[in-house]
Amino acid sequence: DGDVTTTEKQDKSIVTYYNLEAIIFLSFRINTYCTKLFREWVLNSLCEYKRLQEKKPEVLVVFNPGSNRTTISYN
């Protein structure tokens, strides 16, 4: 699926379909109000998708050189 476009012949016209990667790329190259709205929608959608993904646990280790104690926090 490395094709950027797919062309279909319909009754009296030729329709070209572009894949999502090509459309997103072009939206960052073209500077119009519509492409600005599309870019904002894409970025918001990606951020929302990332936010909803299950998060892996994180470990935070804090070392204070002036103290003999190390703090370990599991999230």
C-alpha atoms as a PDB file:
ATOM      1  CA  ASP A   1       0.000   0.000   0.000  1.00  0.00           C
ATOM      2  CA  GLY A   2       2.726   2.469  -0.897  1.00  0.00           C
ATOM      3  CA  ASP A   3       0.556   4.211  -3.510  1.00  0.00           C
ATOM      4  CA  VAL A   4      -0.265   7.843  -2.888  1.00  0.00           C
ATOM      5  CA  THR A   5      -3.239   7.919  -5.251  1.00  0.00           C
ATOM      6  CA  THR A   6      -5.906   5.642  -6.646  1.00  0.00           C
ATOM      7  CA  THR A   7      -7.725   6.582  -9.838  1.00  0.00           C
ATOM      8  CA  GLU A   8     -11.160   5.300 -10.787  1.00  0.00           C
ATOM      9  CA  LYS A   9     -13.141   5.905 -13.965  1.00  0.00           C
ATOM     10  CA  GLN A  10     -16.771   6.645 -13.269  1.00  0.00           C
ATOM     11  CA  ASP A  11     -19.591   7.481 -15.687  1.00  0.00           C
ATOM     12  CA  LYS A  12     -18.280  10.714 -17.201  1.00  0.00           C
ATOM     13  CA  SER A  13     -15.400  11.614 -14.929  1.00  0.00           C
ATOM     14  CA  ILE A  14     -12.152  10.375 -13.466  1.00  0.00           C
ATOM     15  CA  VAL A  15     -11.892  10.454  -9.679  1.00  0.00           C
ATOM     16  CA  THR A  16      -8.531  10.452  -7.913  1.00  0.00           C
ATOM     17  CA  TYR A  17      -8.354   9.395  -4.262  1.00  0.00           C
ATOM     18  CA  TYR A  18      -5.362  10.428  -2.138  1.00  0.00           C
ATOM     19  CA  ASN A  19      -4.240   8.519   0.931  1.00  0.00           C
ATOM     20  CA  LEU A  20      -4.343  10.230   4.325  1.00  0.00           C
ATOM     21  CA  GLU A  21      -0.562  10.668   4.561  1.00  0.00           C
ATOM     22  CA  ALA A  22      -0.500  12.604   1.284  1.00  0.00           C
ATOM     23  CA  ILE A  23      -3.404  14.817   2.357  1.00  0.00           C
ATOM     24  CA  ILE A  24      -1.788  15.601   5.715  1.00  0.00           C
ATOM     25  CA  PHE A  25       1.545  16.341   4.000  1.00  0.00           C
ATOM     26  CA  LEU A  26      -0.101  18.694   1.517  1.00  0.00           C
ATOM     27  CA  SER A  27      -2.033  20.467   4.263  1.00  0.00           C
ATOM     28  CA  PHE A  28       1.278  21.515   5.815  1.00  0.00           C
ATOM     29  CA  ARG A  29       2.576  22.748   2.434  1.00  0.00           C
ATOM     30  CA  ILE A  30      -0.521  24.752   1.459  1.00  0.00           C
ATOM     31  CA  ASN A  31      -1.354  27.842   3.495  1.00  0.00           C
ATOM     32  CA  THR A  32      -5.100  28.488   3.332  1.00  0.00           C
ATOM     33  CA  TYR A  33      -7.790  28.870   5.962  1.00  0.00           C
ATOM     34  CA  CYS A  34      -9.212  25.403   5.177  1.00  0.00           C
ATOM     35  CA  THR A  35      -5.834  23.682   5.441  1.00  0.00           C
ATOM     36  CA  LYS A  36      -5.188  25.511   8.725  1.00  0.00           C
ATOM     37  CA  LEU A  37      -8.473  24.120  10.105  1.00  0.00           C
ATOM     38  CA  PHE A  38      -7.586  20.658   8.799  1.00  0.00           C
ATOM     39  CA  ARG A  39      -4.126  20.779  10.412  1.00  0.00           C
ATOM     40  CA  GLU A  40      -5.666  21.804  13.735  1.00  0.00           C
ATOM     41  CA  TRP A  41      -8.181  18.957  13.486  1.00  0.00           C
ATOM     42  CA  VAL A  42      -5.433  16.434  12.658  1.00  0.00           C
ATOM     43  CA  LEU A  43      -3.209  17.569  15.536  1.00  0.00           C
ATOM     44  CA  ASN A  44      -6.110  17.619  18.014  1.00  0.00           C
ATOM     45  CA  SER A  45      -7.213  14.159  16.883  1.00  0.00           C
ATOM     46  CA  LEU A  46      -3.700  12.750  17.274  1.00  0.00           C
ATOM     47  CA  CYS A  47      -3.330  14.312  20.729  1.00  0.00           C
ATOM     48  CA  GLU A  48      -6.714  12.938  21.809  1.00  0.00           C
ATOM     49  CA  TYR A  49      -5.848   9.484  20.447  1.00  0.00           C
ATOM     50  CA  LYS A  50      -2.517   9.531  22.292  1.00  0.00           C
ATOM     51  CA  ARG A  51      -4.207  10.714  25.499  1.00  0.00           C
ATOM     52  CA  LEU A  52      -6.750   7.879  25.374  1.00  0.00           C
ATOM     53  CA  GLN A  53      -4.130   5.177  24.843  1.00  0.00           C
ATOM     54  CA  GLU A  54      -3.344   3.045  27.875  1.00  0.00           C
ATOM     55  CA  LYS A  55      -0.400   4.561  29.649  1.00  0.00           C
ATOM     56  CA  LYS A  56       2.503   2.460  30.804  1.00  0.00           C
ATOM     57  CA  PRO A  57       3.628   2.862  34.402  1.00  0.00           C
ATOM     58  CA  GLU A  58       6.409   5.347  34.988  1.00  0.00           C
ATOM     59  CA  VAL A  59       9.140   5.309  37.601  1.00  0.00           C
ATOM     60  CA  LEU A  60      10.582   8.537  38.955  1.00  0.00           C
ATOM     61  CA  VAL A  61      13.820   8.394  40.950  1.00  0.00           C
ATOM     62  CA  VAL A  62      14.820  11.566  42.787  1.00  0.00           C
ATOM     63  CA  PHE A  63      18.330  11.756  44.221  1.00  0.00           C
ATOM     64  CA  ASN A  64      19.320  14.625  46.478  1.00  0.00           C
ATOM     65  CA  PRO A  65      23.119  14.831  46.863  1.00  0.00           C
ATOM     66  CA  GLY A  66      22.746  16.688  50.198  1.00  0.00           C
ATOM     67  CA  SER A  67      20.750  13.826  51.691  1.00  0.00           C
ATOM     68  CA  ASN A  68      21.342  10.124  52.177  1.00  0.00           C
ATOM     69  CA  ARG A  69      17.816   9.371  50.977  1.00  0.00           C
ATOM     70  CA  THR A  70      16.610   8.516  47.490  1.00  0.00           C
ATOM     71  CA  THR A  71      12.933   8.840  46.622  1.00  0.00           C
ATOM     72  CA  ILE A  72      11.322   6.366  44.224  1.00  0.00           C
ATOM     73  CA  SER A  73       7.837   7.088  42.926  1.00  0.00           C
ATOM     74  CA  TYR A  74       5.732   4.661  40.868  1.00  0.00           C
ATOM     75  CA  ASN A  75       2.888   6.044  38.775  1.00  0.00           C
END
